[in-house]
Protein backbone atom coordinates (compact mmCIF):
# COMPACT_ATOMS: atom_id res chain seq x y z
CA MET A 1 20.27 -10.57 31.56
CA ASN A 2 21.63 -7.07 30.88
CA ASN A 3 21.06 -6.38 27.20
CA GLN A 4 24.10 -4.09 27.12
CA GLU A 5 26.55 -6.89 28.00
CA GLN A 6 28.86 -7.78 25.14
CA GLN A 7 30.63 -10.94 24.11
CA PRO A 8 33.74 -11.48 21.97
CA ALA A 9 33.26 -11.17 18.21
CA GLY A 10 34.46 -14.75 17.82
CA GLN A 11 31.07 -15.93 19.03
CA LEU A 12 29.37 -14.47 15.97
CA PRO A 13 28.58 -16.74 13.02
CA SER A 14 30.87 -16.35 10.02
CA TYR A 15 28.06 -15.06 7.80
CA ILE A 16 27.97 -11.97 10.06
CA THR A 17 31.70 -11.43 10.59
CA SER A 18 32.42 -11.82 6.87
CA ALA A 19 29.84 -9.20 5.83
CA THR A 20 31.28 -5.99 4.36
CA PRO A 21 29.29 -2.71 4.35
CA ASN A 22 28.60 -1.05 1.03
CA PRO A 23 31.00 1.91 1.03
CA PRO A 24 29.73 5.48 0.52
CA GLY A 25 31.64 5.75 -2.74
CA LYS A 26 29.47 3.07 -4.37
CA ARG A 27 26.16 4.73 -3.47
CA ALA A 28 24.00 6.90 -5.68
CA PRO A 29 21.13 9.46 -5.53
CA TRP A 30 17.60 8.27 -4.77
CA TYR A 31 16.43 8.94 -8.33
CA ALA A 32 19.06 6.58 -9.72
CA ASN A 33 18.28 3.50 -7.63
CA THR A 34 15.63 3.37 -4.87
CA ALA A 35 12.82 5.36 -6.49
CA PRO A 36 12.81 3.75 -9.97
CA THR A 37 13.28 0.24 -8.56
CA TYR A 38 10.38 0.56 -6.13
CA ALA A 39 8.23 2.27 -8.77
CA GLY A 40 8.81 -0.71 -11.04
CA ILE A 41 7.33 -2.98 -8.35
CA PHE A 42 4.09 -1.00 -8.28
CA LEU A 43 3.85 -0.90 -12.06
CA TRP A 44 3.38 -4.67 -11.99
CA PHE A 45 -0.24 -5.17 -13.05
CA VAL A 46 -0.88 -7.58 -10.16
CA PHE A 47 -0.72 -4.59 -7.83
CA TRP A 48 -2.91 -2.07 -9.63
CA LYS A 49 -5.39 -4.30 -11.46
CA GLY A 50 -7.54 -4.90 -8.37
CA ALA A 51 -7.27 -1.46 -6.77
CA ALA A 52 -11.06 -1.03 -6.85
CA ASP A 53 -11.94 -4.70 -6.39
CA ASP A 54 -13.68 -6.25 -3.40
CA ALA A 55 -16.28 -8.94 -2.80
CA HIS A 56 -18.82 -6.46 -1.41
CA ALA A 57 -21.33 -4.50 -3.48
CA GLY A 58 -19.66 -1.58 -5.21
CA GLY A 59 -16.18 -2.84 -4.37
CA LEU A 60 -13.86 -0.19 -2.95
CA LEU A 61 -15.84 2.48 -4.79
CA SER A 62 -18.97 1.89 -2.70
CA GLN A 63 -18.39 5.08 -0.69
CA GLY A 64 -17.49 7.17 -3.71
CA LEU A 65 -14.40 7.92 -5.74
CA GLY A 66 -13.05 10.54 -3.35
CA TRP A 67 -13.03 8.23 -0.34
CA ALA A 68 -11.42 5.41 -2.33
CA LEU A 69 -8.59 7.72 -3.42
CA LEU A 70 -8.16 9.14 0.10
CA SER A 71 -7.96 5.60 1.49
CA LEU A 72 -5.31 4.83 -1.12
CA VAL A 73 -3.26 7.89 -0.11
CA LEU A 74 -3.41 6.89 3.57
CA ALA A 75 -2.33 3.33 2.72
CA ALA A 76 0.57 4.69 0.66
CA LEU A 77 1.73 6.85 3.56
CA VAL A 78 1.54 3.87 5.94
CA CYS A 79 3.79 1.91 3.54
CA HIS A 80 6.35 4.71 3.46
CA PHE A 81 6.45 5.82 7.08
CA LEU A 82 5.81 2.54 8.92
CA PHE A 83 7.09 -0.22 6.65
CA TYR A 84 9.88 1.32 4.57
CA LEU A 85 11.49 4.28 6.35
CA VAL A 86 13.20 2.57 9.30
CA PRO A 87 14.52 -0.37 7.24
CA GLY A 88 15.80 2.15 4.68
CA MET A 89 17.55 4.17 7.41
CA LEU A 90 19.10 1.02 8.86
CA GLY A 91 20.47 0.03 5.47
CA MET A 92 21.83 3.53 4.86
CA LYS A 93 23.51 3.82 8.27
CA THR A 94 25.06 0.34 8.33
CA GLY A 95 25.59 -0.44 4.64
CA LEU A 96 24.64 -4.01 5.54
CA PRO A 97 21.89 -6.22 4.01
CA LEU A 98 18.66 -7.30 5.66
CA TYR A 99 19.83 -10.72 6.81
CA ILE A 100 22.63 -9.03 8.81
CA VAL A 101 20.65 -6.06 10.14
CA GLY A 102 17.86 -8.43 11.19
CA THR A 103 20.19 -10.12 13.69
CA SER A 104 19.62 -7.24 16.10
CA THR A 105 15.90 -7.94 16.25
CA PHE A 106 15.99 -11.74 15.99
CA GLY A 107 19.50 -12.68 17.18
CA ALA A 108 22.66 -13.88 15.48
CA GLN A 109 21.23 -17.39 15.21
CA GLY A 110 17.58 -16.40 14.83
CA GLY A 111 18.28 -13.80 12.14
CA PHE A 112 19.53 -16.60 9.95
CA LEU A 113 15.93 -17.80 9.71
CA MET A 114 14.05 -14.55 10.31
CA PRO A 115 13.92 -12.55 8.14
CA GLY A 116 16.59 -14.20 5.95
CA PHE A 117 15.14 -17.62 5.18
CA LEU A 118 11.53 -16.40 5.44
CA MET A 119 12.20 -13.71 2.83
CA GLY A 120 13.40 -16.37 0.40
CA LEU A 121 10.57 -18.74 1.22
CA LEU A 122 7.83 -16.18 0.63
CA GLN A 123 9.33 -15.24 -2.74
CA PHE A 124 7.93 -18.46 -4.12
CA GLY A 125 4.48 -17.27 -3.14
CA TRP A 126 5.14 -14.23 -5.34
CA VAL A 127 6.41 -16.48 -8.13
CA GLY A 128 3.15 -18.44 -7.91
CA VAL A 129 1.12 -15.23 -8.11
CA ASN A 130 3.15 -14.14 -11.11
CA ILE A 131 2.72 -17.48 -12.85
CA ILE A 132 -1.07 -17.63 -12.56
CA THR A 133 -1.78 -13.97 -13.32
CA SER A 134 0.69 -13.63 -16.19
CA SER A 135 -0.28 -16.97 -17.73
CA ASP A 136 -3.96 -16.00 -17.58
CA LEU A 137 -3.25 -12.75 -19.42
CA LEU A 138 -1.10 -14.52 -21.98
CA ALA A 139 -3.74 -17.20 -22.53
CA SER A 140 -6.43 -14.53 -22.93
CA SER A 141 -4.30 -12.68 -25.45
CA LEU A 142 -4.04 -15.93 -27.43
CA GLY A 143 -7.81 -16.45 -27.28
CA LEU A 144 -7.63 -19.62 -25.17
CA ALA A 145 -10.74 -20.65 -23.24
CA GLN A 146 -10.69 -20.68 -19.45
CA ASP A 147 -10.71 -24.48 -19.39
CA SER A 148 -8.13 -24.90 -22.16
CA ALA A 149 -5.56 -27.61 -21.50
CA LEU A 150 -2.87 -25.23 -22.71
CA ARG A 151 -3.28 -22.88 -19.72
CA PRO A 152 -1.52 -25.26 -17.26
CA VAL A 153 1.16 -25.87 -19.89
CA ILE A 154 1.81 -22.12 -20.10
CA MET A 155 1.98 -21.94 -16.29
CA VAL A 156 4.53 -24.76 -16.08
CA ALA A 157 6.69 -23.27 -18.83
CA TRP A 158 6.48 -19.77 -17.34
CA GLY A 159 7.44 -20.98 -13.86
CA LEU A 160 10.34 -23.18 -14.97
CA LEU A 161 11.81 -20.47 -17.17
CA ALA A 162 11.52 -17.86 -14.42
CA GLY A 163 13.18 -20.18 -11.90
CA PHE A 164 16.04 -20.99 -14.28
CA VAL A 165 16.70 -17.36 -15.19
CA GLY A 166 16.48 -16.36 -11.54
CA ILE A 167 19.39 -18.68 -10.77
CA LYS A 168 21.58 -18.21 -13.83
CA GLY A 169 20.69 -15.20 -15.93
CA ILE A 170 19.31 -12.39 -13.82
CA GLN A 171 21.90 -9.97 -15.20
CA TYR A 172 20.33 -10.27 -18.66
CA VAL A 173 16.79 -9.88 -17.37
CA ALA A 174 17.81 -6.77 -15.41
CA LYS A 175 18.80 -5.04 -18.65
CA VAL A 176 15.43 -5.75 -20.26
CA ALA A 177 13.55 -4.90 -17.08
CA THR A 178 14.83 -1.33 -17.29
CA TYR A 179 12.40 -0.63 -20.12
CA LEU A 180 9.60 -3.17 -19.68
CA PRO A 181 7.92 -1.23 -16.79
CA LEU A 182 7.14 1.47 -19.35
CA ILE A 183 4.61 -0.91 -20.94
CA PRO A 184 2.11 -1.04 -18.02
CA LEU A 185 2.59 2.69 -17.43
CA ALA A 186 1.73 3.43 -21.06
CA ILE A 187 -1.32 1.13 -20.90
CA LEU A 188 -2.53 2.76 -17.68
CA LEU A 189 -2.22 6.23 -19.21
CA PHE A 190 -4.02 5.07 -22.35
CA LEU A 191 -6.92 3.66 -20.30
CA LEU A 192 -7.08 6.87 -18.28
CA VAL A 193 -7.32 9.00 -21.42
CA LYS A 194 -10.01 6.65 -22.75
CA THR A 195 -12.21 7.03 -19.65
CA ALA A 196 -11.28 10.48 -18.31
CA GLY A 197 -14.28 12.22 -19.82
CA THR A 198 -16.82 10.21 -17.79
CA ILE A 199 -15.06 9.95 -14.42
CA GLY A 200 -17.13 12.87 -13.14
CA ASP A 201 -20.35 11.01 -14.05
CA PHE A 202 -19.60 8.09 -11.74
CA ASP A 203 -22.41 7.56 -9.20
CA PRO A 204 -21.62 5.11 -6.36
CA GLN A 205 -25.30 4.46 -5.59
CA LYS A 206 -26.10 3.53 -9.20
CA PHE A 207 -22.90 1.47 -9.19
CA ILE A 208 -24.03 -0.48 -6.13
CA ALA A 209 -27.51 -0.98 -7.60
CA LEU A 210 -26.00 -2.33 -10.82
CA HIS A 211 -23.78 -4.68 -8.85
CA LYS A 212 -26.76 -6.03 -6.88
CA SER A 213 -28.79 -6.49 -10.05
CA LEU A 214 -26.01 -8.60 -11.57
CA ALA A 215 -25.25 -10.51 -8.36
CA PRO A 216 -28.27 -10.55 -6.00
CA THR A 217 -26.35 -12.41 -3.29
CA VAL A 218 -23.43 -9.99 -3.17
CA PRO A 219 -22.66 -8.80 0.40
CA GLU A 220 -23.77 -5.33 1.45
CA PRO A 221 -21.48 -2.40 0.62
CA LEU A 222 -18.50 -1.65 2.83
CA SER A 223 -18.67 1.30 5.22
CA ASN A 224 -16.14 4.12 5.09
CA LEU A 225 -14.01 2.30 7.65
CA GLY A 226 -14.46 -0.94 5.74
CA VAL A 227 -13.18 0.60 2.51
CA LEU A 228 -10.17 2.04 4.33
CA ALA A 229 -9.39 -1.29 6.01
CA ALA A 230 -9.73 -3.24 2.76
CA MET A 231 -7.45 -0.76 0.98
CA MET A 232 -4.88 -1.09 3.75
CA THR A 233 -4.99 -4.89 3.50
CA PHE A 234 -4.53 -4.81 -0.26
CA VAL A 235 -1.78 -2.17 -0.45
CA VAL A 236 0.19 -2.91 2.73
CA GLY A 237 -0.04 -6.68 2.24
CA PHE A 238 1.42 -6.31 -1.23
CA PHE A 239 4.23 -4.09 0.01
CA ALA A 240 5.22 -5.79 3.28
CA THR A 241 8.19 -7.84 2.03
CA ALA A 242 9.42 -4.97 -0.13
CA GLY A 243 9.23 -2.73 2.95
CA ALA A 244 11.59 -4.96 4.94
CA ALA A 245 13.81 -5.14 1.85
CA GLY A 246 14.19 -1.39 2.26
CA VAL A 247 17.31 -2.32 4.25
CA ASP A 248 18.91 -3.60 1.05
CA PHE A 249 17.72 -0.55 -0.89
CA GLY A 250 19.09 1.68 1.85
CA THR A 251 22.61 0.30 1.48
CA ASN A 252 22.74 2.18 -1.83
CA SER A 253 21.54 5.49 -0.32
CA ARG A 254 24.04 8.23 0.48
CA ASP A 255 22.15 10.00 3.27
CA LYS A 256 18.80 10.50 5.01
CA LYS A 257 17.47 12.62 2.15
CA ASP A 258 18.05 9.77 -0.31
CA VAL A 259 16.15 7.39 1.96
CA GLN A 260 13.25 9.81 2.44
CA MET A 261 12.93 10.87 -1.20
CA GLY A 262 13.37 7.33 -2.48
CA GLY A 263 10.40 6.25 -0.39
CA LEU A 264 8.19 9.28 -0.95
CA VAL A 265 8.58 9.03 -4.73
CA GLY A 266 9.25 5.33 -5.33
CA VAL A 267 6.80 4.01 -2.73
CA ALA A 268 4.11 6.53 -1.76
CA LEU A 269 3.81 8.43 -5.04
CA ALA A 270 4.12 5.27 -7.16
CA ILE A 271 1.31 3.61 -5.18
CA ILE A 272 -0.94 6.64 -5.56
CA VAL A 273 -0.25 7.03 -9.30
CA THR A 274 -0.58 3.40 -10.39
CA ALA A 275 -3.46 2.25 -8.18
CA GLY A 276 -5.06 5.70 -8.40
CA ILE A 277 -5.20 5.59 -12.20
CA SER A 278 -6.64 2.09 -12.01
CA ILE A 279 -9.42 3.28 -9.68
CA LEU A 280 -10.16 6.24 -11.95
CA VAL A 281 -10.39 3.94 -14.97
CA VAL A 282 -12.99 1.75 -13.23
CA ALA A 283 -14.98 4.83 -12.20
CA GLY A 284 -14.76 6.28 -15.71
CA THR A 285 -15.87 3.00 -17.27
CA TYR A 286 -19.04 2.81 -15.18
CA GLY A 287 -19.63 6.52 -15.46
CA SER A 288 -19.92 6.09 -19.22
CA PRO A 289 -23.29 5.01 -20.70
CA GLU A 290 -21.37 3.20 -23.44
CA PHE A 291 -18.56 1.45 -21.57
CA GLY A 292 -20.59 0.89 -18.41
CA LYS A 293 -23.34 -0.84 -20.36
CA ASP A 294 -20.82 -2.96 -22.26
CA ALA A 295 -19.01 -3.97 -19.05
CA ALA A 296 -22.31 -4.88 -17.37
CA GLY A 297 -23.30 -6.90 -20.42
CA VAL A 298 -20.07 -8.88 -20.36
CA ALA A 299 -20.43 -9.42 -16.61
CA ALA A 300 -24.00 -10.65 -16.99
CA LYS A 301 -22.89 -13.29 -19.50
CA SER A 302 -20.24 -14.73 -17.19
CA THR A 303 -20.64 -17.95 -15.22
CA HIS A 304 -20.58 -15.99 -11.97
CA PRO A 305 -22.13 -12.63 -12.90
CA SER A 306 -20.78 -9.61 -11.06
CA LEU A 307 -19.27 -6.25 -11.82
CA ILE A 308 -15.94 -6.19 -13.64
CA LEU A 309 -13.67 -4.42 -11.17
CA ASP A 310 -10.39 -5.88 -12.45
CA THR A 311 -8.83 -3.17 -14.64
CA THR A 312 -7.09 -5.68 -16.91
CA LYS A 313 -10.44 -7.31 -17.69
CA LEU A 314 -11.79 -3.94 -18.78
CA ILE A 315 -9.14 -3.66 -21.51
CA PRO A 316 -11.12 -5.71 -24.08
CA ILE A 317 -14.15 -3.49 -23.40
CA LEU A 318 -12.24 -0.22 -23.66
CA ARG A 319 -10.07 -1.23 -26.60
CA SER A 320 -11.45 -4.35 -28.24
CA LYS A 321 -9.38 -4.20 -31.46
CA SER A 322 -5.97 -4.20 -29.79
CA SER A 323 -6.85 -5.86 -26.47
CA ALA A 324 -5.00 -9.08 -27.29
CA VAL A 325 -1.80 -7.17 -27.93
CA LEU A 326 -2.15 -5.09 -24.77
CA LEU A 327 -2.81 -8.14 -22.60
CA GLY A 328 0.16 -9.95 -24.12
CA LEU A 329 2.42 -6.96 -23.48
CA LEU A 330 1.30 -6.77 -19.84
CA ALA A 331 2.15 -10.44 -19.40
CA LEU A 332 5.56 -9.94 -21.03
CA ALA A 333 6.32 -6.95 -18.79
CA ALA A 334 5.60 -9.10 -15.71
CA PHE A 335 8.17 -11.80 -16.53
CA PRO A 336 11.18 -10.00 -14.98
CA ALA A 337 9.27 -9.73 -11.69
CA ALA A 338 9.04 -13.52 -11.53
CA CYS A 339 12.74 -13.81 -12.31
CA PHE A 340 13.68 -11.27 -9.63
CA SER A 341 11.59 -13.13 -7.03
CA ALA A 342 13.37 -16.37 -7.91
CA PHE A 343 16.69 -14.51 -7.78
CA ILE A 344 16.00 -13.13 -4.27
CA ALA A 345 14.98 -16.62 -3.14
CA ALA A 346 18.18 -18.10 -4.61
CA ASN A 347 20.35 -15.54 -2.78
CA SER A 348 18.50 -16.19 0.46
CA PHE A 349 18.93 -19.94 0.18
CA LYS A 350 22.60 -19.62 -0.77
CA THR A 351 23.10 -17.77 2.52
CA THR A 352 20.90 -19.88 4.78
CA LEU A 353 21.46 -23.25 3.05
CA PRO A 354 25.03 -22.93 1.74
CA LYS A 355 25.56 -26.68 1.35
CA VAL A 356 22.45 -27.17 -0.81
CA ASN A 357 22.78 -26.72 -4.56
CA PRO A 358 20.62 -23.70 -5.58
CA PHE A 359 19.20 -25.72 -8.46
CA ILE A 360 17.74 -28.10 -5.88
CA SER A 361 16.45 -25.53 -3.35
CA VAL A 362 15.12 -23.08 -5.94
CA GLY A 363 13.91 -25.96 -8.10
CA ILE A 364 11.78 -27.33 -5.26
CA GLY A 365 10.45 -23.86 -4.53
CA THR A 366 9.61 -23.30 -8.19
CA VAL A 367 7.69 -26.58 -8.35
CA VAL A 368 5.69 -25.48 -5.30
CA SER A 369 4.99 -22.14 -7.03
CA ILE A 370 3.74 -23.94 -10.13
CA VAL A 371 1.48 -26.18 -8.04
CA LEU A 372 0.04 -23.13 -6.26
CA ALA A 373 -0.64 -21.54 -9.65
CA VAL A 374 -2.10 -24.57 -11.44
CA THR A 375 -4.41 -25.38 -8.52
CA GLY A 376 -5.56 -21.74 -8.37
CA VAL A 377 -4.41 -21.18 -4.78
CA ALA A 378 -2.07 -18.37 -5.86
CA GLY A 379 -5.00 -16.63 -7.54
CA ASN A 380 -6.50 -15.64 -4.18
CA LEU A 381 -4.61 -12.34 -4.11
CA VAL A 382 -6.25 -10.98 -0.96
CA GLY A 383 -5.35 -14.20 0.87
CA VAL A 384 -1.76 -14.05 -0.41
CA PHE A 385 -1.41 -10.39 0.55
CA THR A 386 -2.84 -11.09 4.02
CA ILE A 387 -0.41 -13.96 4.68
CA ILE A 388 2.58 -11.93 3.49
CA GLY A 389 1.43 -8.94 5.53
CA ALA A 390 0.99 -11.16 8.59
CA SER A 391 4.51 -12.54 8.09
CA PHE A 392 6.39 -9.30 7.53
CA GLY A 393 4.15 -6.81 9.34
CA PRO A 394 5.46 -7.79 12.79
CA ILE A 395 9.03 -7.97 11.44
CA CYS A 396 8.85 -4.33 10.33
CA GLY A 397 7.13 -3.33 13.58
CA ALA A 398 9.72 -5.02 15.79
CA MET A 399 12.62 -3.60 13.74
CA MET A 400 11.18 -0.09 14.08
CA VAL A 401 10.97 -0.29 17.88
CA ASP A 402 14.44 -1.87 18.10
CA TYR A 403 15.79 1.04 16.04
CA PHE A 404 14.19 3.76 18.16
CA LEU A 405 15.16 2.13 21.46
CA ALA A 406 18.77 2.15 20.24
CA GLY A 407 18.66 5.90 19.70
CA CYS A 408 17.80 5.69 15.99
CA ASN A 409 20.80 3.47 15.30
CA TRP A 410 21.51 -0.19 14.72
CA PRO A 411 22.60 -1.70 18.05
CA GLY A 412 24.36 -4.65 16.42
CA PRO A 413 23.69 -8.39 16.44
CA ARG A 414 22.31 -9.98 19.56
CA ALA A 415 23.26 -13.36 20.90
CA GLY A 416 21.40 -16.50 19.89
CA PHE A 417 17.66 -16.13 19.38
CA ASN A 418 16.53 -12.73 20.69
CA PRO A 419 13.35 -13.56 22.70
CA ALA A 420 11.87 -10.08 22.25
CA GLY A 421 11.97 -10.33 18.46
CA TRP A 422 10.58 -13.82 18.24
CA LEU A 423 7.74 -13.17 20.68
CA ALA A 424 6.89 -9.99 18.76
CA TRP A 425 6.82 -11.84 15.45
CA LEU A 426 4.80 -14.80 16.75
CA THR A 427 2.06 -12.70 18.33
CA GLY A 428 1.91 -10.34 15.35
CA PHE A 429 1.71 -13.23 12.90
CA VAL A 430 -1.10 -14.93 14.83
CA VAL A 431 -3.08 -11.69 14.87
CA GLY A 432 -2.41 -11.11 11.17
CA ILE A 433 -3.71 -14.48 9.99
CA LEU A 434 -6.97 -14.38 11.97
CA PRO A 435 -8.99 -13.43 8.84
CA ILE A 436 -7.42 -16.25 6.80
CA LEU A 437 -8.32 -18.79 9.49
CA ASN A 438 -11.88 -17.40 9.59
CA ILE A 439 -11.49 -16.87 13.33
CA TYR A 440 -12.08 -13.13 13.34
CA PRO A 441 -12.58 -10.68 10.44
CA LEU A 442 -9.83 -8.35 11.66
CA PRO A 443 -9.77 -5.16 9.56
CA ALA A 444 -6.44 -4.10 8.00
CA ALA A 445 -4.77 -7.27 9.28
CA PRO A 446 -1.24 -6.48 7.95
CA VAL A 447 -1.27 -3.12 9.76
CA ALA A 448 -2.63 -4.76 12.92
CA ALA A 449 0.19 -7.33 12.73
CA PHE A 450 2.71 -4.46 12.48
CA VAL A 451 1.25 -2.68 15.51
CA VAL A 452 1.13 -5.84 17.63
CA GLY A 453 4.71 -6.72 16.69
CA ALA A 454 5.89 -3.22 17.64
CA VAL A 455 4.03 -3.17 20.98
CA VAL A 456 5.14 -6.66 22.02
CA TYR A 457 8.77 -5.91 21.19
CA PHE A 458 8.64 -2.69 23.22
CA VAL A 459 7.13 -4.48 26.23
CA CYS A 460 9.63 -7.34 26.01
CA ALA A 461 12.55 -4.92 25.75
CA LYS A 462 11.39 -3.06 28.86
CA LEU A 463 11.08 -6.39 30.67
CA GLY A 464 14.72 -7.20 29.84
CA LEU A 465 13.95 -9.94 27.33
CA GLU A 466 16.44 -8.75 24.72
CA SER A 467 19.52 -10.95 24.44
CA GLN A 468 22.94 -9.33 24.80
CA VAL A 469 24.61 -7.35 22.03
CA ILE A 470 27.81 -8.80 20.57
CA PRO A 471 30.40 -6.35 19.15
CA LEU A 472 31.19 -6.48 15.45
CA PRO A 473 34.58 -6.47 13.74
CA ALA A 474 35.55 -3.01 12.50
CA LYS A 475 34.98 -3.81 8.81
CA THR A 476 31.43 -4.98 9.49
CA ALA A 477 30.49 -2.13 11.77
CA GLY A 478 31.08 0.61 9.21
CA GLY A 479 28.48 2.50 7.18
CA ALA A 480 27.16 5.95 6.38
CA LYS A 481 26.35 8.41 9.14
């Protein structure tokens, strides 16, 4: 089938023909929308708290502070250039949202499910992560024991409230969320000032030796490549869905400069600043004779002794008198993120399941999120990031190739289920979840899923496996140039 053949616009689903591009007059500079919104995502403590954490001896600091920070910079650049930039350009050029733009890669029928429905579905994974992490911080700030019966109660209440606000009151949360991201930023800067004087005294070999003394069965330290791969998995897996959502961010960008600067500042720089400070705080803690000894002492008393590499768990050691307040504030600052995830899911389901009451669809999803949190499944952050990266890595890879093959433009929706897109996603997803299935310890699985998705789409396109393009009505085909 010739992929340049076109069919009448009447064959397009109504959700495509009724879409209206965001006009240039309603767009704004990168510093007024894309950059601060993305930066707020990376200020969420779930992202930066484990920037140095890993199951191996010495964590991601096993090869030294410099290599950990360099690995972080490389991961940040991958997020910007591979996962965000093309979606952002597509949104800017078309003015259309992700679930419309995605119909080029996955077809007019297929795009309804991928990435539209999948984006909404995976949001409940994020809600589950938010519930368990925020509830744990809140419970710790209240002095509740790990096995306290009130912890599940907090999780249930947190999840139900987030789901309800996500459906009905997101406009109110958005107003509060403008200022709440300043809380984790202030806490990060405070911790950095507290530990800055001993960062230069950090010794990775002593750090590894301490880790082994606390946990004799801990796996051997990661190599340089291992640290880089683990950092890629952590950072890119966290960002994958937000990268594809760059289409929606791009609809508010005026030109290419807005797209570029929004990503360089809001994505790359925000990643480096937030996670970078977190890594420096861990290094400064264990470079200090005082704090390092205290942290090791606390770790030794735990049920499963190991180094404390979670930055939020270092707060009581670095600031014992006000730690409860700081932990409570971090939990409070995370609440809008849960509401926004529920809101995105609600919008997705309203589009893909228009006949289902959002209270039912989002309600079921929220219950699943709560179950994932209460059972502890959502607490496996590396696993969650890997699954999300495996899901959206090939989507971003296929979209990038589709964009370049069309001459750096959006070709328009394709008929039915575009075989090239679906084959690219399936193979990329299978590759991406290999570590989760314990089949093969693939390094940097989310990036590998992206690469496989891109290569498979390119090969399929050259073999003529793209379905035909269907022309759009004039009002839908508009956008910035």
